[in-house]
């Protein structure tokens, strides 16, 4: 991602949600900062990437789409660069938006799966299934 520009969410489309769901943005920023690699870039660039990811997480599409990235692979590379410890936790390749919210729930000691483990949850396909540009997934 070094040669790539920062992600560019549709700020206009997200503006209302960024206000009404500000607490979520703050929580996501905290999660991302706690897993950041300070050697990845400047503090300002790190905050810009974390802010874009946190705000784009409020969108209706896959996170990579809400960030204006061309693919999930680009998002995975972005997260691996700036937040490598967080990327390392996603051992089963869960969709990133689901994964980030799952991490928030784990921090708060809340269970989000309908079943005791993801492997037997009826929503398994929503969390771990393939992503394509035409799909709009609920978050």
N, C-alpha and C. Protein backbone atom coordinates (compact mmCIF):
# COMPACT_ATOMS: atom_id res chain seq x y z
N UNK A 1 0.81 -1.20 0.00
CA UNK A 1 0.00 0.00 0.00
C UNK A 1 0.86 1.26 0.00
N UNK A 2 2.16 1.17 0.07
CA UNK A 2 2.99 2.35 0.18
C UNK A 2 2.80 3.29 -1.01
N UNK A 3 2.63 2.77 -2.19
CA UNK A 3 2.49 3.62 -3.36
C UNK A 3 1.06 4.08 -3.56
N UNK A 4 0.12 3.50 -2.83
CA UNK A 4 -1.28 3.83 -3.01
C UNK A 4 -1.68 5.03 -2.15
N UNK A 5 -2.69 5.74 -2.60
CA UNK A 5 -3.23 6.85 -1.84
C UNK A 5 -4.04 6.31 -0.67
N UNK A 6 -4.33 7.17 0.27
CA UNK A 6 -5.18 6.79 1.39
C UNK A 6 -6.57 6.46 0.87
N UNK A 7 -7.28 5.59 1.58
CA UNK A 7 -8.64 5.27 1.15
C UNK A 7 -9.50 6.53 1.14
N UNK A 8 -10.49 6.55 0.27
CA UNK A 8 -11.36 7.71 0.13
C UNK A 8 -12.83 7.30 0.24
N UNK A 9 -13.33 7.20 1.46
CA UNK A 9 -14.76 6.90 1.60
C UNK A 9 -15.61 8.02 1.02
N UNK A 10 -16.86 7.74 0.82
CA UNK A 10 -17.82 8.76 0.39
C UNK A 10 -18.25 9.53 1.64
N UNK A 11 -17.48 10.57 1.97
CA UNK A 11 -17.70 11.31 3.22
C UNK A 11 -19.10 11.90 3.28
N UNK A 12 -19.61 12.35 2.15
CA UNK A 12 -20.95 12.94 2.12
C UNK A 12 -22.01 11.92 2.53
N UNK A 13 -21.90 10.72 1.99
CA UNK A 13 -22.86 9.66 2.30
C UNK A 13 -22.77 9.21 3.76
N UNK A 14 -21.58 9.33 4.35
CA UNK A 14 -21.37 8.86 5.72
C UNK A 14 -21.60 9.95 6.78
N UNK A 15 -21.72 11.19 6.37
CA UNK A 15 -21.74 12.32 7.31
C UNK A 15 -22.77 12.18 8.42
N UNK A 16 -23.99 11.86 8.08
CA UNK A 16 -25.04 11.73 9.10
C UNK A 16 -24.75 10.61 10.08
N UNK A 17 -24.27 9.50 9.58
CA UNK A 17 -23.95 8.37 10.45
C UNK A 17 -22.76 8.68 11.35
N UNK A 18 -21.81 9.45 10.83
CA UNK A 18 -20.63 9.80 11.62
C UNK A 18 -21.04 10.63 12.85
N UNK A 19 -22.12 11.38 12.73
CA UNK A 19 -22.62 12.17 13.86
C UNK A 19 -23.46 11.29 14.78
N UNK A 20 -24.44 10.59 14.22
CA UNK A 20 -25.36 9.82 15.06
C UNK A 20 -24.71 8.59 15.69
N UNK A 21 -23.64 8.09 15.10
CA UNK A 21 -22.97 6.90 15.63
C UNK A 21 -21.53 7.21 16.01
N UNK A 22 -21.32 8.43 16.50
CA UNK A 22 -19.98 8.90 16.86
C UNK A 22 -19.28 7.96 17.85
N UNK A 23 -20.03 7.40 18.81
CA UNK A 23 -19.43 6.50 19.80
C UNK A 23 -18.78 5.29 19.12
N UNK A 24 -19.41 4.78 18.07
CA UNK A 24 -18.83 3.65 17.34
C UNK A 24 -17.53 4.04 16.67
N UNK A 25 -17.50 5.23 16.09
CA UNK A 25 -16.29 5.71 15.44
C UNK A 25 -15.16 5.82 16.47
N UNK A 26 -15.47 6.36 17.63
CA UNK A 26 -14.47 6.50 18.70
C UNK A 26 -13.97 5.12 19.12
N UNK A 27 -14.88 4.16 19.30
CA UNK A 27 -14.49 2.81 19.70
C UNK A 27 -13.62 2.14 18.63
N UNK A 28 -14.00 2.29 17.37
CA UNK A 28 -13.22 1.71 16.29
C UNK A 28 -11.84 2.36 16.19
N UNK A 29 -11.79 3.68 16.35
CA UNK A 29 -10.49 4.37 16.34
C UNK A 29 -9.59 3.83 17.45
N UNK A 30 -10.15 3.63 18.62
CA UNK A 30 -9.38 3.11 19.75
C UNK A 30 -8.85 1.71 19.44
N UNK A 31 -9.71 0.86 18.90
CA UNK A 31 -9.31 -0.50 18.53
C UNK A 31 -8.15 -0.46 17.52
N UNK A 32 -8.31 0.35 16.49
CA UNK A 32 -7.29 0.43 15.45
C UNK A 32 -5.98 0.98 16.01
N UNK A 33 -6.06 2.05 16.78
CA UNK A 33 -4.84 2.63 17.35
C UNK A 33 -4.12 1.64 18.27
N UNK A 34 -4.88 0.85 19.01
CA UNK A 34 -4.28 -0.13 19.92
C UNK A 34 -3.51 -1.22 19.17
N UNK A 35 -3.80 -1.39 17.89
CA UNK A 35 -3.14 -2.43 17.09
C UNK A 35 -2.25 -1.84 15.99
N UNK A 36 -1.98 -0.56 16.08
CA UNK A 36 -1.23 0.14 15.03
C UNK A 36 0.26 -0.17 15.11
N UNK A 37 0.90 -0.09 13.96
CA UNK A 37 2.35 -0.19 13.86
C UNK A 37 2.89 1.22 13.64
N UNK A 38 3.51 1.83 14.67
CA UNK A 38 3.99 3.20 14.52
C UNK A 38 5.05 3.35 13.44
N UNK A 39 5.68 2.27 13.05
CA UNK A 39 6.70 2.33 12.00
C UNK A 39 6.09 2.35 10.59
N UNK A 40 4.78 2.16 10.49
CA UNK A 40 4.13 2.11 9.17
C UNK A 40 4.08 3.47 8.49
N UNK A 41 4.12 4.53 9.27
CA UNK A 41 4.05 5.87 8.70
C UNK A 41 3.91 6.89 9.81
N UNK A 42 3.67 8.11 9.43
CA UNK A 42 3.54 9.19 10.41
C UNK A 42 2.28 9.01 11.26
N UNK A 43 2.29 9.65 12.41
CA UNK A 43 1.12 9.60 13.29
C UNK A 43 -0.10 10.18 12.60
N UNK A 44 0.11 11.25 11.83
CA UNK A 44 -1.00 11.87 11.11
C UNK A 44 -1.57 10.92 10.05
N UNK A 45 -0.70 10.23 9.32
CA UNK A 45 -1.16 9.27 8.31
C UNK A 45 -1.88 8.11 8.96
N UNK A 46 -1.35 7.62 10.07
CA UNK A 46 -1.99 6.53 10.79
C UNK A 46 -3.39 6.93 11.25
N UNK A 47 -3.51 8.14 11.81
CA UNK A 47 -4.83 8.61 12.23
C UNK A 47 -5.77 8.77 11.05
N UNK A 48 -5.26 9.21 9.91
CA UNK A 48 -6.10 9.37 8.73
C UNK A 48 -6.63 8.02 8.24
N UNK A 49 -5.77 7.01 8.25
CA UNK A 49 -6.20 5.68 7.83
C UNK A 49 -7.20 5.11 8.84
N UNK A 50 -6.90 5.23 10.13
CA UNK A 50 -7.82 4.73 11.16
C UNK A 50 -9.17 5.44 11.07
N UNK A 51 -9.14 6.76 10.88
CA UNK A 51 -10.38 7.55 10.77
C UNK A 51 -11.20 7.08 9.57
N UNK A 52 -10.54 6.89 8.43
CA UNK A 52 -11.25 6.45 7.23
C UNK A 52 -11.87 5.07 7.43
N UNK A 53 -11.13 4.14 8.03
CA UNK A 53 -11.67 2.80 8.28
C UNK A 53 -12.83 2.86 9.26
N UNK A 54 -12.66 3.61 10.35
CA UNK A 54 -13.71 3.70 11.37
C UNK A 54 -14.98 4.29 10.77
N UNK A 55 -14.86 5.36 10.02
CA UNK A 55 -16.04 6.00 9.44
C UNK A 55 -16.66 5.14 8.35
N UNK A 56 -15.84 4.54 7.50
CA UNK A 56 -16.35 3.70 6.43
C UNK A 56 -17.04 2.46 6.97
N UNK A 57 -16.69 2.04 8.18
CA UNK A 57 -17.33 0.88 8.80
C UNK A 57 -18.82 1.13 9.05
N UNK A 58 -19.24 2.37 8.99
CA UNK A 58 -20.65 2.71 9.18
C UNK A 58 -21.46 2.56 7.89
N UNK A 59 -20.78 2.32 6.79
CA UNK A 59 -21.44 2.21 5.48
C UNK A 59 -22.21 0.91 5.32
N UNK A 60 -22.92 0.80 4.22
CA UNK A 60 -23.80 -0.34 3.96
C UNK A 60 -23.17 -1.45 3.12
N UNK A 61 -22.04 -1.19 2.50
CA UNK A 61 -21.42 -2.18 1.62
C UNK A 61 -20.28 -2.88 2.36
N UNK A 62 -19.56 -3.72 1.63
CA UNK A 62 -18.35 -4.30 2.20
C UNK A 62 -17.40 -3.16 2.54
N UNK A 63 -16.57 -3.35 3.55
CA UNK A 63 -15.69 -2.27 4.00
C UNK A 63 -14.78 -1.78 2.88
N UNK A 64 -14.25 -2.68 2.08
CA UNK A 64 -13.37 -2.24 0.99
C UNK A 64 -14.11 -1.34 0.02
N UNK A 65 -15.40 -1.62 -0.21
CA UNK A 65 -16.20 -0.79 -1.09
C UNK A 65 -16.48 0.57 -0.44
N UNK A 66 -16.83 0.54 0.84
CA UNK A 66 -17.11 1.79 1.56
C UNK A 66 -15.87 2.67 1.67
N UNK A 67 -14.69 2.07 1.57
CA UNK A 67 -13.43 2.82 1.59
C UNK A 67 -13.02 3.31 0.20
N UNK A 68 -13.73 2.89 -0.83
CA UNK A 68 -13.37 3.28 -2.18
C UNK A 68 -12.17 2.53 -2.72
N UNK A 69 -11.91 1.34 -2.18
CA UNK A 69 -10.77 0.52 -2.64
C UNK A 69 -11.24 -0.43 -3.73
N UNK A 70 -10.34 -0.87 -4.60
CA UNK A 70 -10.73 -1.72 -5.72
C UNK A 70 -11.04 -3.18 -5.35
N UNK A 71 -10.57 -3.64 -4.18
CA UNK A 71 -10.81 -5.04 -3.82
C UNK A 71 -10.58 -5.27 -2.33
N UNK A 72 -11.04 -6.42 -1.87
CA UNK A 72 -10.80 -6.81 -0.49
C UNK A 72 -9.31 -7.03 -0.25
N UNK A 73 -8.61 -7.49 -1.26
CA UNK A 73 -7.16 -7.69 -1.12
C UNK A 73 -6.45 -6.38 -0.79
N UNK A 74 -6.88 -5.28 -1.40
CA UNK A 74 -6.30 -3.97 -1.11
C UNK A 74 -6.57 -3.58 0.35
N UNK A 75 -7.78 -3.85 0.82
CA UNK A 75 -8.10 -3.57 2.22
C UNK A 75 -7.26 -4.43 3.15
N UNK A 76 -7.11 -5.70 2.84
CA UNK A 76 -6.30 -6.59 3.67
C UNK A 76 -4.85 -6.11 3.74
N UNK A 77 -4.33 -5.64 2.60
CA UNK A 77 -2.96 -5.11 2.58
C UNK A 77 -2.86 -3.83 3.41
N UNK A 78 -3.87 -2.98 3.31
CA UNK A 78 -3.89 -1.74 4.09
C UNK A 78 -3.89 -2.04 5.58
N UNK A 79 -4.73 -2.96 6.01
CA UNK A 79 -4.81 -3.31 7.42
C UNK A 79 -3.52 -3.98 7.87
N UNK A 80 -2.97 -4.86 7.05
CA UNK A 80 -1.72 -5.54 7.41
C UNK A 80 -0.57 -4.54 7.57
N UNK A 81 -0.57 -3.50 6.77
CA UNK A 81 0.50 -2.51 6.87
C UNK A 81 0.36 -1.65 8.12
N UNK A 82 -0.80 -1.08 8.34
CA UNK A 82 -0.99 -0.11 9.42
C UNK A 82 -1.35 -0.75 10.75
N UNK A 83 -2.02 -1.91 10.72
CA UNK A 83 -2.51 -2.56 11.93
C UNK A 83 -2.18 -4.06 11.90
N UNK A 84 -0.90 -4.41 11.82
CA UNK A 84 -0.51 -5.81 11.61
C UNK A 84 -0.96 -6.75 12.72
N UNK A 85 -0.99 -6.30 13.95
CA UNK A 85 -1.43 -7.19 15.04
C UNK A 85 -2.92 -7.49 14.92
N UNK A 86 -3.68 -6.54 14.44
CA UNK A 86 -5.10 -6.77 14.21
C UNK A 86 -5.29 -7.73 13.04
N UNK A 87 -4.52 -7.51 11.98
CA UNK A 87 -4.59 -8.41 10.82
C UNK A 87 -4.25 -9.84 11.23
N UNK A 88 -3.28 -9.99 12.11
CA UNK A 88 -2.86 -11.33 12.55
C UNK A 88 -3.96 -12.04 13.34
N UNK A 89 -4.85 -11.28 13.95
CA UNK A 89 -5.94 -11.89 14.72
C UNK A 89 -7.04 -12.47 13.82
N UNK A 90 -7.12 -12.00 12.59
CA UNK A 90 -8.16 -12.47 11.67
C UNK A 90 -7.70 -13.76 10.99
N UNK A 91 -7.51 -14.79 11.80
CA UNK A 91 -6.93 -16.05 11.34
C UNK A 91 -7.83 -16.84 10.39
N UNK A 92 -9.12 -16.60 10.43
CA UNK A 92 -10.04 -17.36 9.57
C UNK A 92 -10.58 -16.52 8.42
N UNK A 93 -9.94 -15.36 8.17
CA UNK A 93 -10.30 -14.51 7.03
C UNK A 93 -11.74 -14.03 7.09
N UNK A 94 -12.19 -13.65 8.29
CA UNK A 94 -13.53 -13.09 8.45
C UNK A 94 -13.60 -11.78 7.69
N UNK A 95 -14.75 -11.44 7.17
CA UNK A 95 -14.93 -10.16 6.49
C UNK A 95 -14.55 -9.06 7.46
N UNK A 96 -13.85 -8.04 6.97
CA UNK A 96 -13.23 -7.05 7.84
C UNK A 96 -14.22 -6.26 8.69
N UNK A 97 -15.33 -5.85 8.14
CA UNK A 97 -16.28 -5.07 8.94
C UNK A 97 -16.82 -5.95 10.08
N UNK A 98 -17.19 -7.16 9.77
CA UNK A 98 -17.66 -8.10 10.80
C UNK A 98 -16.56 -8.32 11.83
N UNK A 99 -15.34 -8.50 11.35
CA UNK A 99 -14.22 -8.76 12.24
C UNK A 99 -13.99 -7.59 13.21
N UNK A 100 -14.01 -6.37 12.69
CA UNK A 100 -13.78 -5.21 13.56
C UNK A 100 -14.86 -5.11 14.64
N UNK A 101 -16.10 -5.30 14.26
CA UNK A 101 -17.18 -5.24 15.24
C UNK A 101 -17.12 -6.41 16.22
N UNK A 102 -16.69 -7.55 15.74
CA UNK A 102 -16.51 -8.69 16.65
C UNK A 102 -15.44 -8.35 17.69
N UNK A 103 -14.36 -7.70 17.25
CA UNK A 103 -13.31 -7.30 18.19
C UNK A 103 -13.84 -6.31 19.23
N UNK A 104 -14.70 -5.40 18.80
CA UNK A 104 -15.31 -4.46 19.76
C UNK A 104 -16.16 -5.20 20.77
N UNK A 105 -16.92 -6.18 20.30
CA UNK A 105 -17.77 -6.96 21.21
C UNK A 105 -16.93 -7.78 22.17
N UNK A 106 -15.84 -8.35 21.69
CA UNK A 106 -14.96 -9.11 22.57
C UNK A 106 -14.36 -8.21 23.65
N UNK A 107 -14.01 -6.98 23.28
CA UNK A 107 -13.49 -6.02 24.26
C UNK A 107 -14.52 -5.74 25.34
N UNK A 108 -15.78 -5.68 24.94
CA UNK A 108 -16.86 -5.38 25.88
C UNK A 108 -17.42 -6.66 26.52
N UNK A 109 -16.82 -7.80 26.18
CA UNK A 109 -17.24 -9.11 26.67
C UNK A 109 -18.70 -9.42 26.32
N UNK A 110 -19.06 -9.07 25.08
CA UNK A 110 -20.39 -9.36 24.54
C UNK A 110 -20.26 -10.43 23.47
N UNK A 111 -21.20 -11.35 23.43
CA UNK A 111 -21.21 -12.36 22.37
C UNK A 111 -22.09 -11.87 21.24
N UNK A 112 -21.59 -11.96 20.00
CA UNK A 112 -22.39 -11.53 18.86
C UNK A 112 -22.88 -12.68 18.00
N UNK A 113 -22.31 -13.85 18.17
CA UNK A 113 -22.76 -15.00 17.40
C UNK A 113 -24.02 -15.56 18.04
N UNK A 114 -24.89 -16.09 17.20
CA UNK A 114 -26.10 -16.72 17.69
C UNK A 114 -25.80 -18.07 18.34
N UNK A 115 -24.65 -18.64 18.00
CA UNK A 115 -24.25 -19.95 18.51
C UNK A 115 -22.96 -19.78 19.32
N UNK A 116 -22.60 -20.79 20.10
CA UNK A 116 -21.39 -20.66 20.92
C UNK A 116 -20.10 -20.50 20.13
N UNK A 117 -20.10 -20.89 18.86
CA UNK A 117 -18.90 -20.68 18.04
C UNK A 117 -19.33 -20.32 16.62
N UNK A 118 -18.48 -19.59 15.95
CA UNK A 118 -18.80 -19.14 14.59
C UNK A 118 -19.05 -20.31 13.64
N UNK A 119 -18.34 -21.40 13.83
CA UNK A 119 -18.45 -22.53 12.92
C UNK A 119 -19.84 -23.13 12.83
N UNK A 120 -20.66 -22.96 13.85
CA UNK A 120 -22.00 -23.53 13.82
C UNK A 120 -23.08 -22.45 13.76
N UNK A 121 -22.70 -21.20 13.62
CA UNK A 121 -23.65 -20.10 13.57
C UNK A 121 -24.36 -20.08 12.22
N UNK A 122 -25.63 -19.76 12.22
CA UNK A 122 -26.39 -19.71 10.97
C UNK A 122 -25.96 -18.55 10.07
N UNK A 123 -25.26 -17.57 10.61
CA UNK A 123 -24.77 -16.44 9.82
C UNK A 123 -23.34 -16.63 9.33
N UNK A 124 -22.81 -17.84 9.44
CA UNK A 124 -21.42 -18.10 9.06
C UNK A 124 -21.11 -17.60 7.65
N UNK A 125 -21.98 -17.85 6.70
CA UNK A 125 -21.75 -17.42 5.32
C UNK A 125 -21.69 -15.91 5.17
N UNK A 126 -22.43 -15.18 6.00
CA UNK A 126 -22.39 -13.72 5.94
C UNK A 126 -21.06 -13.18 6.44
N UNK A 127 -20.48 -13.85 7.40
CA UNK A 127 -19.22 -13.38 7.99
C UNK A 127 -17.99 -13.85 7.22
N UNK A 128 -18.04 -15.03 6.65
CA UNK A 128 -16.86 -15.63 6.05
C UNK A 128 -17.00 -15.90 4.56
N UNK A 129 -18.14 -15.63 3.97
CA UNK A 129 -18.35 -15.92 2.56
C UNK A 129 -17.56 -15.00 1.64
N UNK A 130 -17.61 -15.28 0.34
CA UNK A 130 -16.87 -14.47 -0.62
C UNK A 130 -17.48 -13.07 -0.73
N UNK A 131 -16.64 -12.15 -1.21
CA UNK A 131 -17.09 -10.78 -1.45
C UNK A 131 -16.87 -10.44 -2.90
N UNK A 132 -17.84 -9.77 -3.50
CA UNK A 132 -17.63 -9.26 -4.85
C UNK A 132 -18.20 -7.86 -4.93
N UNK A 133 -17.87 -7.17 -5.98
CA UNK A 133 -18.24 -5.76 -6.11
C UNK A 133 -19.74 -5.55 -6.24
N UNK A 134 -20.47 -6.54 -6.66
CA UNK A 134 -21.91 -6.35 -6.86
C UNK A 134 -22.72 -6.62 -5.59
N UNK A 135 -22.10 -7.25 -4.61
CA UNK A 135 -22.82 -7.60 -3.39
C UNK A 135 -22.89 -6.41 -2.44
N UNK A 136 -24.03 -6.26 -1.80
CA UNK A 136 -24.17 -5.28 -0.73
C UNK A 136 -24.53 -6.09 0.49
N UNK A 137 -23.62 -6.11 1.46
CA UNK A 137 -23.79 -6.94 2.65
C UNK A 137 -24.25 -6.10 3.81
N UNK A 138 -25.18 -6.61 4.61
CA UNK A 138 -25.52 -5.90 5.84
C UNK A 138 -24.37 -6.00 6.80
N UNK A 139 -24.18 -5.00 7.60
CA UNK A 139 -23.09 -5.05 8.58
C UNK A 139 -23.71 -5.30 9.87
